[in-house]
Amino acid sequence: MEMLPLISLVVAAVCIMRAIVLMIKNAGSTSASSTRAGGAPLPPGPSTLPLIGSIHHLATGELPHHAITRLGREHGPVMYLQMGQVGLVVVSSREAAREVMKVQDANFAHRPELAGPKVLLYGCADVAFSSGGPTWRRLRKVCVVKLLSANRVRSFAPIRREETRRLLESIAGHCPGKAIDLRAMVEVFSSAIVSRTALSETFEHRGSILKKGLELASGFNLSDHFPSLSFLNVLMRHRLRRVHRQVDKLLEDIIAERMRLRQKKMKEKDTAEVMLDVLLDAMEHPDTDVPITHDNIKAVIMDMFAGGTETSSSTIEWALAELMKNPKEMAKVQDEVRTKMEAVTSWCDIGHLSYLRLVVKETMRLHMPAPLLVPRVCKEQCRVGGYMIPAGSRVVINAWAMGRDPRYWEDAEAFRPGRFLGTSVDFKGGDFEFLPFGAGRRMCPGIEFGLAGVELCLAQLLFYFDWTLPGGIAPEDLDMSETSVGALSVVRKEPLRLIPSIHAPLHLNY
């Protein structure tokens, strides 16, 4: 027994020596590659340390996108960070973003192999984290043409209205004069819409399993930056696999039940075909020689929850927070909603609420759900902004920095929805200073699906209720601090608590 500490020290020393040898070898190969490409230099970046590279510059207590934005201001809009054994290029100008996401989109359309998505998304069998290839192209086509088309999104309108109604009734049922946790309530709302449209049922008691899986899938993993040191991932891999087993059982049970109902022709119980039906049809009746598997279906369902739940609920919460902090903007958008909707008898169409959409745009400019877009991989060595980008480098678009860049936005830190009046800037990825959903072939296919729920919910919250801050908080004192959820998403640091008072009875036809 006395020998155990000594053995442990020897093993640790061997591991450290192996790590040093591998990192020195890796650093040498990186240095050699940086001298090619006709003499073009690597992008500038901060100083590095042995073994860890530039990682220490991000270990400052700041949120990752804040630290990366600060470094970008020092080193330029195309910046190189040596993250352990992995080269990371950060792009934070619309010109360089256009180069990556449009001009050379095909060369940057691949994804890195990350530990979390690899385990929890069935070997990256989904759309968001798949590295590409025939299966990815077929899945994306199914998503764009069938799952998330304009007609499909419209067909889910009754579900959106029903869940909005439940949210309003829940708010109205709270004690008068008491503050409510708005985040918790809109999270339930967003999750219910996604689960009902995707699977035909809600996850009132099982949603925490999926949420935990999604957070782990997008979370920080040390082995992602030291891929040759697999022992770094032992503990995290065990946790990932344990959660994956729970998520997999949940999804398999749901799919099996849906298939049983389909076989017995009991779909008449549903008011509309749900997304799972579309995926099962694509699997059972392929129109190409590229098969879709059970794992693909489960991974795409995970994508739907990742993209449709937290993104929507966070945007609604941030929008109300900004409106509370800016009473003049609150009065303006409430006046539009109440004036225009009092003249109609149904919430079926809210497309004429133009200022409301500007509020959503401005909210997403300042508070992008994913401030750093999902990493890409440079397939072949190329140039961006005059700098050489080595093959295999990871590339991250700092959408948050561009959304607040004073070169593109006047009074960039202020909440001013009217700045979008008379402009063509939209959500579709053609304006590279405004990328809440990305751009190019990797752009999120669920834009209209997400916006439909956000705009309907926000419009009704503003129509039916007046809102006040609790505890005598002045609008200008409302805390707007952020915090990270996983490695990709950002939400308010503190849940938004507001006091609702009923402005109008819940009378409009649903």
Protein backbone atom coordinates (compact mmCIF):
# COMPACT_ATOMS: atom_id res chain seq x y z
CA MET A 1 0.00 0.00 0.00
CA GLU A 2 2.91 2.35 0.79
CA MET A 3 3.96 2.12 -2.88
CA LEU A 4 0.68 3.55 -4.26
CA PRO A 5 1.61 7.26 -3.89
CA LEU A 6 4.98 6.61 -5.56
CA ILE A 7 3.33 4.70 -8.42
CA SER A 8 0.83 7.54 -8.88
CA LEU A 9 3.64 10.08 -9.08
CA VAL A 10 5.51 7.99 -11.65
CA VAL A 11 2.38 7.60 -13.79
CA ALA A 12 1.66 11.33 -13.56
CA ALA A 13 5.25 12.16 -14.51
CA VAL A 14 5.11 9.84 -17.53
CA CYS A 15 1.82 11.44 -18.65
CA ILE A 16 3.24 14.94 -18.29
CA MET A 17 6.41 14.04 -20.20
CA ARG A 18 4.32 12.46 -22.96
CA ALA A 19 2.20 15.61 -23.11
CA ILE A 20 5.27 17.83 -23.36
CA VAL A 21 6.78 15.75 -26.18
CA LEU A 22 3.52 15.72 -28.14
CA MET A 23 2.95 19.45 -27.70
CA ILE A 24 6.49 20.35 -28.73
CA LYS A 25 6.11 18.12 -31.78
CA ASN A 26 2.76 19.72 -32.57
CA ALA A 27 4.15 23.23 -32.08
CA GLY A 28 6.97 22.45 -34.51
CA SER A 29 4.60 21.27 -37.20
CA THR A 30 2.41 24.35 -36.72
CA SER A 31 5.41 26.65 -36.98
CA ALA A 32 6.56 24.96 -40.17
CA SER A 33 3.15 25.23 -41.79
CA SER A 34 2.96 28.94 -40.95
CA THR A 35 5.88 29.72 -43.25
CA ARG A 36 4.08 28.44 -46.36
CA ALA A 37 1.35 30.02 -48.53
CA GLY A 38 3.64 32.35 -50.46
CA GLY A 39 4.97 34.03 -47.35
CA ALA A 40 1.58 35.13 -46.05
CA PRO A 41 1.73 35.39 -42.26
CA LEU A 42 -0.56 33.85 -39.71
CA PRO A 43 -3.09 36.31 -38.29
CA PRO A 44 -1.76 38.29 -35.32
CA GLY A 45 -2.59 37.12 -31.84
CA PRO A 46 -1.63 37.30 -28.18
CA SER A 47 1.50 35.79 -26.68
CA THR A 48 1.67 32.07 -25.97
CA LEU A 49 3.00 29.91 -23.16
CA PRO A 50 4.50 26.43 -23.43
CA LEU A 51 1.92 23.64 -23.42
CA ILE A 52 -1.20 25.79 -23.15
CA GLY A 53 -0.60 28.34 -25.91
CA SER A 54 -2.99 31.29 -25.61
CA ILE A 55 -5.48 29.69 -23.22
CA HIS A 56 -4.31 31.80 -20.27
CA HIS A 57 -5.57 34.95 -22.02
CA LEU A 58 -9.11 33.59 -21.71
CA ALA A 59 -8.77 32.50 -18.08
CA THR A 60 -9.47 35.99 -16.74
CA GLY A 61 -12.90 35.48 -15.21
CA GLU A 62 -14.57 37.16 -18.19
CA LEU A 63 -17.19 35.45 -20.29
CA PRO A 64 -15.51 33.83 -23.32
CA HIS A 65 -17.02 36.19 -25.90
CA HIS A 66 -16.06 39.23 -23.80
CA ALA A 67 -12.45 38.05 -23.48
CA ILE A 68 -12.21 37.18 -27.18
CA THR A 69 -13.71 40.56 -28.15
CA ARG A 70 -11.19 42.36 -25.95
CA LEU A 71 -8.32 40.44 -27.55
CA GLY A 72 -9.74 41.13 -31.00
CA ARG A 73 -9.67 44.87 -30.35
CA GLU A 74 -5.97 44.54 -29.52
CA HIS A 75 -4.93 42.22 -32.34
CA GLY A 76 -7.37 42.85 -35.17
CA PRO A 77 -10.50 41.46 -36.83
CA VAL A 78 -8.72 38.26 -37.93
CA MET A 79 -6.89 36.89 -34.90
CA TYR A 80 -5.00 33.66 -34.22
CA LEU A 81 -5.14 31.91 -30.86
CA GLN A 82 -3.11 28.80 -30.08
CA MET A 83 -5.54 26.85 -27.91
CA GLY A 84 -3.36 24.07 -26.56
CA GLN A 85 -2.65 21.87 -29.58
CA VAL A 86 -5.35 23.47 -31.74
CA GLY A 87 -5.14 26.63 -33.82
CA LEU A 88 -8.19 28.89 -33.53
CA VAL A 89 -8.89 31.80 -35.88
CA VAL A 90 -11.38 34.39 -34.60
CA VAL A 91 -13.17 36.56 -37.15
CA SER A 92 -14.82 39.76 -35.93
CA SER A 93 -15.37 42.00 -38.96
CA ARG A 94 -18.14 41.78 -41.54
CA GLU A 95 -15.59 41.82 -44.37
CA ALA A 96 -13.70 38.80 -43.02
CA ALA A 97 -16.96 37.08 -42.04
CA ARG A 98 -18.21 37.49 -45.61
CA GLU A 99 -14.99 35.88 -46.85
CA VAL A 100 -15.45 32.87 -44.56
CA MET A 101 -19.22 32.42 -44.81
CA LYS A 102 -19.86 33.35 -48.45
CA VAL A 103 -16.82 33.72 -50.71
CA GLN A 104 -15.03 30.63 -49.33
CA ASP A 105 -18.05 29.04 -47.66
CA ALA A 106 -17.34 25.54 -49.05
CA ASN A 107 -13.82 25.55 -47.61
CA PHE A 108 -15.11 26.54 -44.16
CA ALA A 109 -18.29 24.43 -44.07
CA HIS A 110 -16.82 21.61 -41.98
CA ARG A 111 -17.09 21.14 -38.21
CA PRO A 112 -14.40 20.05 -35.76
CA GLU A 113 -14.86 16.77 -33.94
CA LEU A 114 -15.73 17.80 -30.38
CA ALA A 115 -16.08 15.40 -27.46
CA GLY A 116 -19.53 16.47 -26.27
CA PRO A 117 -21.40 16.41 -29.60
CA LYS A 118 -19.59 13.22 -30.64
CA VAL A 119 -21.05 11.29 -27.69
CA LEU A 120 -24.40 13.00 -27.17
CA LEU A 121 -25.29 13.49 -30.85
CA TYR A 122 -24.57 9.93 -31.97
CA GLY A 123 -21.21 10.64 -33.55
CA CYS A 124 -22.39 14.06 -34.78
CA ALA A 125 -25.21 12.47 -36.79
CA ASP A 126 -27.19 15.73 -36.62
CA VAL A 127 -27.24 18.86 -38.79
CA ALA A 128 -25.57 21.46 -36.55
CA PHE A 129 -22.38 19.58 -35.61
CA SER A 130 -21.99 17.14 -38.51
CA SER A 131 -18.82 17.73 -40.48
CA GLY A 132 -20.69 17.49 -43.78
CA GLY A 133 -21.05 14.85 -46.46
CA PRO A 134 -23.99 13.20 -48.24
CA THR A 135 -25.97 12.39 -45.08
CA TRP A 136 -25.63 15.95 -43.78
CA ARG A 137 -26.76 17.35 -47.13
CA ARG A 138 -29.82 15.10 -47.17
CA LEU A 139 -30.72 15.90 -43.56
CA ARG A 140 -30.36 19.62 -44.16
CA LYS A 141 -32.55 19.37 -47.26
CA VAL A 142 -35.22 17.54 -45.24
CA CYS A 143 -35.04 20.27 -42.58
CA VAL A 144 -35.23 23.17 -45.04
CA VAL A 145 -37.80 21.75 -47.48
CA LYS A 146 -40.02 19.66 -45.21
CA LEU A 147 -39.45 20.18 -41.47
CA LEU A 148 -39.08 23.95 -41.31
CA SER A 149 -40.63 25.26 -44.52
CA ALA A 150 -42.94 28.28 -44.41
CA ASN A 151 -46.00 26.06 -44.88
CA ARG A 152 -44.91 23.72 -42.09
CA VAL A 153 -44.29 26.63 -39.72
CA ARG A 154 -47.78 27.99 -40.50
CA SER A 155 -49.32 24.58 -39.84
CA PHE A 156 -48.03 24.75 -36.26
CA ALA A 157 -49.82 28.05 -35.56
CA PRO A 158 -52.60 26.39 -33.47
CA ILE A 159 -49.97 24.86 -31.19
CA ARG A 160 -48.23 28.23 -30.77
CA ARG A 161 -51.51 29.92 -29.91
CA GLU A 162 -52.51 27.20 -27.43
CA GLU A 163 -49.19 27.35 -25.60
CA THR A 164 -49.25 31.15 -25.56
CA ARG A 165 -52.73 30.99 -24.07
CA ARG A 166 -51.46 28.66 -21.33
CA LEU A 167 -48.63 31.07 -20.57
CA LEU A 168 -51.00 34.04 -20.32
CA GLU A 169 -53.41 32.16 -18.06
CA SER A 170 -50.53 31.08 -15.83
CA ILE A 171 -49.35 34.70 -15.49
CA ALA A 172 -52.88 35.99 -14.88
CA GLY A 173 -53.38 33.35 -12.19
CA HIS A 174 -50.51 34.61 -10.04
CA CYS A 175 -51.17 36.70 -6.96
CA PRO A 176 -51.78 40.35 -7.90
CA GLY A 177 -48.85 42.60 -7.12
CA LYS A 178 -46.36 39.74 -6.82
CA ALA A 179 -43.32 39.40 -9.05
CA ILE A 180 -43.07 36.37 -11.33
CA ASP A 181 -39.98 34.57 -12.62
CA LEU A 182 -40.47 35.33 -16.28
CA ARG A 183 -37.57 33.15 -17.42
CA ALA A 184 -39.01 30.01 -15.88
CA MET A 185 -42.39 30.64 -17.47
CA VAL A 186 -41.16 31.38 -20.99
CA GLU A 187 -38.81 28.38 -20.85
CA VAL A 188 -41.83 26.15 -20.23
CA PHE A 189 -43.63 27.89 -23.10
CA SER A 190 -40.74 27.48 -25.56
CA SER A 191 -40.08 23.88 -24.58
CA ALA A 192 -43.76 22.99 -24.98
CA ILE A 193 -43.90 24.43 -28.49
CA VAL A 194 -40.80 22.54 -29.62
CA SER A 195 -41.81 19.25 -28.01
CA ARG A 196 -45.37 19.37 -29.35
CA THR A 197 -44.40 20.36 -32.89
CA ALA A 198 -41.49 17.92 -33.00
CA LEU A 199 -42.88 14.95 -31.08
CA SER A 200 -46.59 15.65 -30.39
CA GLU A 201 -46.10 15.59 -26.62
CA THR A 202 -44.62 17.75 -23.89
CA PHE A 203 -41.77 17.03 -21.49
CA GLU A 204 -43.15 18.43 -18.27
CA HIS A 205 -41.32 15.86 -16.13
CA ARG A 206 -38.52 14.72 -18.45
CA GLY A 207 -37.28 17.91 -20.03
CA SER A 208 -34.43 18.25 -17.54
CA ILE A 209 -32.75 15.17 -19.04
CA LEU A 210 -32.66 16.73 -22.50
CA LYS A 211 -31.56 20.08 -21.09
CA LYS A 212 -28.66 18.46 -19.25
CA GLY A 213 -27.64 16.64 -22.40
CA LEU A 214 -27.72 19.80 -24.49
CA GLU A 215 -25.64 21.74 -21.95
CA LEU A 216 -23.03 18.97 -21.87
CA ALA A 217 -22.96 18.74 -25.67
CA SER A 218 -22.04 22.42 -25.96
CA GLY A 219 -19.91 22.60 -22.82
CA PHE A 220 -16.16 23.19 -22.46
CA ASN A 221 -14.04 20.04 -22.69
CA LEU A 222 -10.29 20.19 -22.16
CA SER A 223 -9.64 17.29 -24.53
CA ASP A 224 -11.07 19.35 -27.42
CA HIS A 225 -7.94 21.52 -27.18
CA PHE A 226 -5.52 18.63 -26.61
CA PRO A 227 -6.85 15.94 -28.97
CA SER A 228 -3.76 13.72 -28.74
CA LEU A 229 -4.08 13.47 -24.94
CA SER A 230 -7.11 11.21 -24.74
CA PHE A 231 -6.61 10.55 -21.03
CA LEU A 232 -7.80 14.11 -20.32
CA ASN A 233 -11.30 13.06 -21.35
CA VAL A 234 -11.72 9.99 -19.12
CA LEU A 235 -13.93 11.53 -16.43
CA MET A 236 -15.93 13.73 -18.80
CA ARG A 237 -16.45 10.83 -21.20
CA HIS A 238 -17.98 8.77 -18.40
CA ARG A 239 -20.39 11.60 -17.55
CA LEU A 240 -21.26 12.18 -21.20
CA ARG A 241 -22.04 8.50 -21.75
CA ARG A 242 -24.18 8.29 -18.63
CA VAL A 243 -26.31 11.26 -19.69
CA HIS A 244 -26.39 9.96 -23.27
CA ARG A 245 -27.90 6.67 -22.11
CA GLN A 246 -30.68 8.56 -20.32
CA VAL A 247 -31.39 10.81 -23.31
CA ASP A 248 -31.25 7.89 -25.72
CA LYS A 249 -33.78 5.85 -23.75
CA LEU A 250 -36.15 8.82 -23.64
CA LEU A 251 -35.92 9.40 -27.39
CA GLU A 252 -36.13 5.70 -28.27
CA ASP A 253 -39.29 5.33 -26.18
CA ILE A 254 -40.89 8.30 -27.94
CA ILE A 255 -39.93 7.08 -31.41
CA ALA A 256 -41.11 3.55 -30.68
CA GLU A 257 -44.49 4.82 -29.48
CA ARG A 258 -44.86 7.05 -32.51
CA MET A 259 -44.02 4.18 -34.85
CA ARG A 260 -46.54 1.96 -33.07
CA LEU A 261 -49.24 4.57 -33.58
CA ARG A 262 -48.29 4.97 -37.23
CA GLN A 263 -48.48 1.23 -37.79
CA LYS A 264 -51.94 1.12 -36.25
CA LYS A 265 -53.00 4.18 -38.22
CA MET A 266 -53.88 6.14 -35.10
CA LYS A 267 -52.44 9.46 -36.27
CA GLU A 268 -55.94 10.91 -36.30
CA LYS A 269 -55.37 11.63 -32.60
CA ASP A 270 -53.06 14.45 -33.69
CA THR A 271 -54.32 17.68 -35.20
CA ALA A 272 -51.27 17.97 -37.45
CA GLU A 273 -48.35 15.93 -38.69
CA VAL A 274 -45.38 16.55 -36.42
CA MET A 275 -41.71 16.76 -37.31
CA LEU A 276 -41.00 13.23 -36.11
CA ASP A 277 -43.46 11.94 -38.73
CA VAL A 278 -41.54 13.76 -41.45
CA LEU A 279 -38.24 12.26 -40.29
CA LEU A 280 -39.72 8.77 -40.04
CA ASP A 281 -41.18 9.12 -43.54
CA ALA A 282 -37.74 10.12 -44.84
CA MET A 283 -36.22 7.07 -43.16
CA GLU A 284 -38.90 4.59 -44.27
CA HIS A 285 -39.34 5.95 -47.81
CA PRO A 286 -35.94 7.26 -48.95
CA ASP A 287 -35.93 9.29 -52.15
CA THR A 288 -32.15 8.92 -52.57
CA ASP A 289 -29.53 6.25 -51.92
CA VAL A 290 -28.41 8.13 -48.78
CA PRO A 291 -30.12 6.49 -45.79
CA ILE A 292 -31.43 8.28 -42.72
CA THR A 293 -31.03 6.22 -39.56
CA HIS A 294 -32.58 6.15 -36.10
CA ASP A 295 -29.47 7.89 -34.81
CA ASN A 296 -29.89 10.68 -37.37
CA ILE A 297 -33.49 11.18 -36.25
CA LYS A 298 -32.57 11.33 -32.56
CA ALA A 299 -29.68 13.71 -33.24
CA VAL A 300 -31.88 16.05 -35.31
CA ILE A 301 -34.47 16.07 -32.51
CA MET A 302 -31.69 17.17 -30.15
CA ASP A 303 -30.84 19.97 -32.61
CA MET A 304 -34.46 21.12 -32.58
CA PHE A 305 -34.51 21.42 -28.80
CA ALA A 306 -31.12 23.14 -28.73
CA GLY A 307 -32.08 25.68 -31.37
CA GLY A 308 -35.73 26.18 -30.53
CA THR A 309 -36.01 26.23 -26.76
CA GLU A 310 -33.27 28.30 -25.16
CA THR A 311 -32.88 30.64 -28.14
CA SER A 312 -36.56 31.59 -28.06
CA SER A 313 -36.96 31.89 -24.30
CA SER A 314 -33.74 33.89 -23.95
CA THR A 315 -34.77 36.32 -26.71
CA ILE A 316 -38.18 36.92 -25.10
CA GLU A 317 -36.57 37.52 -21.71
CA TRP A 318 -33.92 39.90 -23.10
CA ALA A 319 -36.53 41.80 -25.13
CA LEU A 320 -38.69 42.45 -22.07
CA ALA A 321 -35.63 43.40 -20.03
CA GLU A 322 -34.55 45.95 -22.65
CA LEU A 323 -38.08 47.35 -22.88
CA MET A 324 -38.24 47.70 -19.09
CA LYS A 325 -34.91 49.52 -19.15
CA ASN A 326 -36.13 51.78 -21.98
CA PRO A 327 -39.67 52.94 -21.08
CA LYS A 328 -40.07 55.06 -24.23
CA GLU A 329 -39.48 52.01 -26.40
CA MET A 330 -41.89 50.01 -24.24
CA ALA A 331 -44.59 52.64 -24.74
CA LYS A 332 -43.99 52.74 -28.48
CA VAL A 333 -44.20 49.00 -29.10
CA GLN A 334 -47.13 48.53 -26.70
CA ASP A 335 -49.02 51.29 -28.48
CA GLU A 336 -48.49 49.52 -31.82
CA VAL A 337 -49.55 46.11 -30.51
CA ARG A 338 -52.62 47.40 -28.68
CA THR A 339 -53.79 49.76 -31.40
CA LYS A 340 -53.47 47.26 -34.22
CA MET A 341 -54.64 44.16 -32.37
CA GLU A 342 -57.71 45.78 -30.80
CA ALA A 343 -59.11 46.11 -34.32
CA VAL A 344 -58.94 42.37 -35.05
CA THR A 345 -60.56 39.29 -33.56
CA SER A 346 -57.74 36.79 -33.88
CA TRP A 347 -54.02 36.36 -33.29
CA CYS A 348 -53.69 34.26 -36.44
CA ASP A 349 -51.69 36.96 -38.23
CA ILE A 350 -49.35 39.41 -36.53
CA GLY A 351 -47.20 40.17 -39.57
CA HIS A 352 -48.37 43.80 -39.57
CA LEU A 353 -46.69 44.48 -36.20
CA SER A 354 -43.66 46.04 -37.85
CA TYR A 355 -42.17 47.80 -34.82
CA LEU A 356 -42.43 44.61 -32.79
CA ARG A 357 -40.17 42.88 -35.31
CA LEU A 358 -37.70 45.77 -35.03
CA VAL A 359 -37.67 45.21 -31.26
CA VAL A 360 -36.82 41.54 -31.83
CA LYS A 361 -34.07 42.48 -34.30
CA GLU A 362 -32.51 44.97 -31.91
CA THR A 363 -32.73 42.49 -29.06
CA MET A 364 -30.87 39.88 -31.09
CA ARG A 365 -28.28 42.42 -32.20
CA LEU A 366 -27.36 43.17 -28.59
CA HIS A 367 -28.04 39.74 -27.11
CA MET A 368 -27.25 37.03 -29.60
CA PRO A 369 -28.23 33.62 -28.18
CA ALA A 370 -24.91 32.22 -29.48
CA PRO A 371 -22.43 35.12 -29.47
CA LEU A 372 -19.67 32.90 -30.86
CA LEU A 373 -21.07 30.86 -33.74
CA VAL A 374 -20.47 27.10 -33.82
CA PRO A 375 -16.82 26.52 -34.83
CA ARG A 376 -15.92 25.71 -38.42
CA VAL A 377 -12.84 23.99 -39.80
CA CYS A 378 -10.67 25.26 -42.63
CA LYS A 379 -10.41 22.28 -45.00
CA GLU A 380 -7.63 23.61 -47.23
CA GLN A 381 -5.05 26.27 -46.51
CA CYS A 382 -6.24 29.66 -47.76
CA ARG A 383 -6.11 33.39 -47.09
CA VAL A 384 -8.59 35.58 -45.24
CA GLY A 385 -7.97 39.30 -44.82
CA GLY A 386 -4.46 38.91 -46.20
CA TYR A 387 -3.50 36.27 -43.63
CA MET A 388 -2.75 32.60 -44.10
CA ILE A 389 -5.27 30.23 -42.49
CA PRO A 390 -3.67 26.78 -42.04
CA ALA A 391 -5.61 23.70 -43.08
CA GLY A 392 -7.27 22.13 -40.06
CA SER A 393 -7.56 25.40 -38.14
CA ARG A 394 -10.79 26.00 -36.28
CA VAL A 395 -12.57 29.23 -37.19
CA VAL A 396 -15.05 31.05 -34.96
CA ILE A 397 -17.21 33.98 -36.03
CA ASN A 398 -17.57 36.52 -33.20
CA ALA A 399 -21.11 37.61 -34.06
CA TRP A 400 -21.49 39.37 -30.70
CA ALA A 401 -18.57 41.71 -31.42
CA MET A 402 -19.89 42.64 -34.86
CA GLY A 403 -23.36 43.29 -33.44
CA ARG A 404 -21.86 45.91 -31.11
CA ASP A 405 -19.15 47.31 -33.38
CA PRO A 406 -19.38 51.14 -33.65
CA ARG A 407 -18.01 50.88 -37.21
CA TYR A 408 -21.34 49.36 -38.25
CA TRP A 409 -23.81 50.70 -35.68
CA GLU A 410 -24.29 54.25 -34.44
CA ASP A 411 -24.47 54.38 -30.64
CA ALA A 412 -23.84 50.64 -30.75
CA GLU A 413 -24.45 49.85 -27.06
CA ALA A 414 -27.86 51.57 -26.97
CA PHE A 415 -31.18 49.78 -27.45
CA ARG A 416 -32.68 51.57 -30.47
CA PRO A 417 -35.07 49.40 -32.54
CA GLY A 418 -35.70 52.33 -34.87
CA ARG A 419 -32.17 51.99 -36.27
CA PHE A 420 -33.51 49.23 -38.55
CA LEU A 421 -36.20 51.45 -40.10
CA GLY A 422 -35.57 51.98 -43.79
CA THR A 423 -32.78 49.38 -43.93
CA SER A 424 -32.71 45.99 -45.63
CA VAL A 425 -30.87 44.31 -42.74
CA ASP A 426 -32.65 41.09 -41.86
CA PHE A 427 -32.15 37.69 -40.21
CA LYS A 428 -31.25 35.82 -43.41
CA GLY A 429 -27.45 36.01 -43.17
CA GLY A 430 -26.87 38.48 -46.01
CA ASP A 431 -25.73 41.27 -43.67
CA PHE A 432 -22.55 40.07 -42.03
CA GLU A 433 -22.60 42.63 -39.22
CA PHE A 434 -25.86 41.01 -38.03
CA LEU A 435 -25.66 37.21 -37.76
CA PRO A 436 -27.99 35.92 -35.03
CA PHE A 437 -28.64 32.78 -37.12
CA GLY A 438 -25.33 32.53 -38.95
CA ALA A 439 -24.92 32.61 -42.74
CA GLY A 440 -24.06 30.44 -45.70
CA ARG A 441 -24.71 26.72 -45.94
CA ARG A 442 -24.28 26.43 -42.17
CA MET A 443 -26.97 28.99 -41.39
CA CYS A 444 -29.64 27.84 -38.93
CA PRO A 445 -32.58 26.45 -40.96
CA GLY A 446 -35.11 27.21 -38.21
CA ILE A 447 -35.25 31.02 -38.46
CA GLU A 448 -38.96 31.36 -39.22
CA PHE A 449 -39.91 28.63 -36.76
CA GLY A 450 -38.11 30.42 -33.93
CA LEU A 451 -39.28 33.92 -34.81
CA ALA A 452 -42.92 32.85 -35.09
CA GLY A 453 -43.02 31.77 -31.45
CA VAL A 454 -40.98 34.71 -30.16
CA GLU A 455 -43.08 37.37 -31.89
CA LEU A 456 -46.45 35.85 -30.95
CA CYS A 457 -45.46 35.44 -27.30
CA LEU A 458 -43.94 38.92 -27.01
CA ALA A 459 -46.91 40.57 -28.72
CA GLN A 460 -49.39 38.98 -26.33
CA LEU A 461 -47.32 39.70 -23.23
CA LEU A 462 -47.30 43.36 -24.27
CA PHE A 463 -50.99 43.43 -25.23
CA TYR A 464 -52.55 41.78 -22.19
CA PHE A 465 -50.27 42.98 -19.38
CA ASP A 466 -48.60 46.07 -18.04
CA TRP A 467 -45.26 45.37 -16.39
CA THR A 468 -43.36 46.95 -13.50
CA LEU A 469 -40.03 46.22 -11.84
CA PRO A 470 -40.19 44.86 -8.27
CA GLY A 471 -38.69 46.46 -5.19
CA GLY A 472 -38.74 49.98 -6.55
CA ILE A 473 -35.93 49.27 -9.02
CA ALA A 474 -35.49 52.19 -11.41
CA PRO A 475 -35.35 51.26 -15.11
CA GLU A 476 -31.80 52.56 -15.47
CA ASP A 477 -30.67 50.35 -12.56
CA LEU A 478 -31.90 47.07 -14.05
CA ASP A 479 -28.94 44.67 -14.14
CA MET A 480 -28.24 43.45 -17.69
CA SER A 481 -25.30 41.16 -16.89
CA GLU A 482 -24.84 37.95 -18.89
CA THR A 483 -23.77 34.44 -18.02
CA SER A 484 -22.84 31.44 -20.16
CA VAL A 485 -24.82 28.22 -20.53
CA GLY A 486 -22.43 25.64 -21.90
CA ALA A 487 -19.80 27.00 -24.26
CA LEU A 488 -22.14 28.49 -26.87
CA SER A 489 -25.22 30.08 -25.29
CA VAL A 490 -25.60 33.23 -23.20
CA VAL A 491 -28.54 34.26 -21.00
CA ARG A 492 -29.24 36.93 -18.40
CA LYS A 493 -27.16 36.37 -15.29
CA GLU A 494 -30.23 36.82 -13.09
CA PRO A 495 -33.69 35.65 -14.18
CA LEU A 496 -35.96 38.56 -15.04
CA ARG A 497 -38.56 39.13 -12.34
CA LEU A 498 -41.46 41.44 -13.15
CA ILE A 499 -44.84 42.35 -11.66
CA PRO A 500 -47.68 41.88 -14.17
CA SER A 501 -50.99 43.69 -14.04
CA ILE A 502 -53.81 42.76 -16.40
CA HIS A 503 -54.47 45.36 -19.08
CA ALA A 504 -57.09 43.47 -21.11
CA PRO A 505 -59.10 40.27 -20.60
CA LEU A 506 -57.97 37.20 -22.50
CA HIS A 507 -60.70 37.57 -25.09
CA LEU A 508 -59.21 37.34 -28.56
CA ASN A 509 -60.14 34.29 -30.61
CA TYR A 510 -57.52 31.54 -30.63
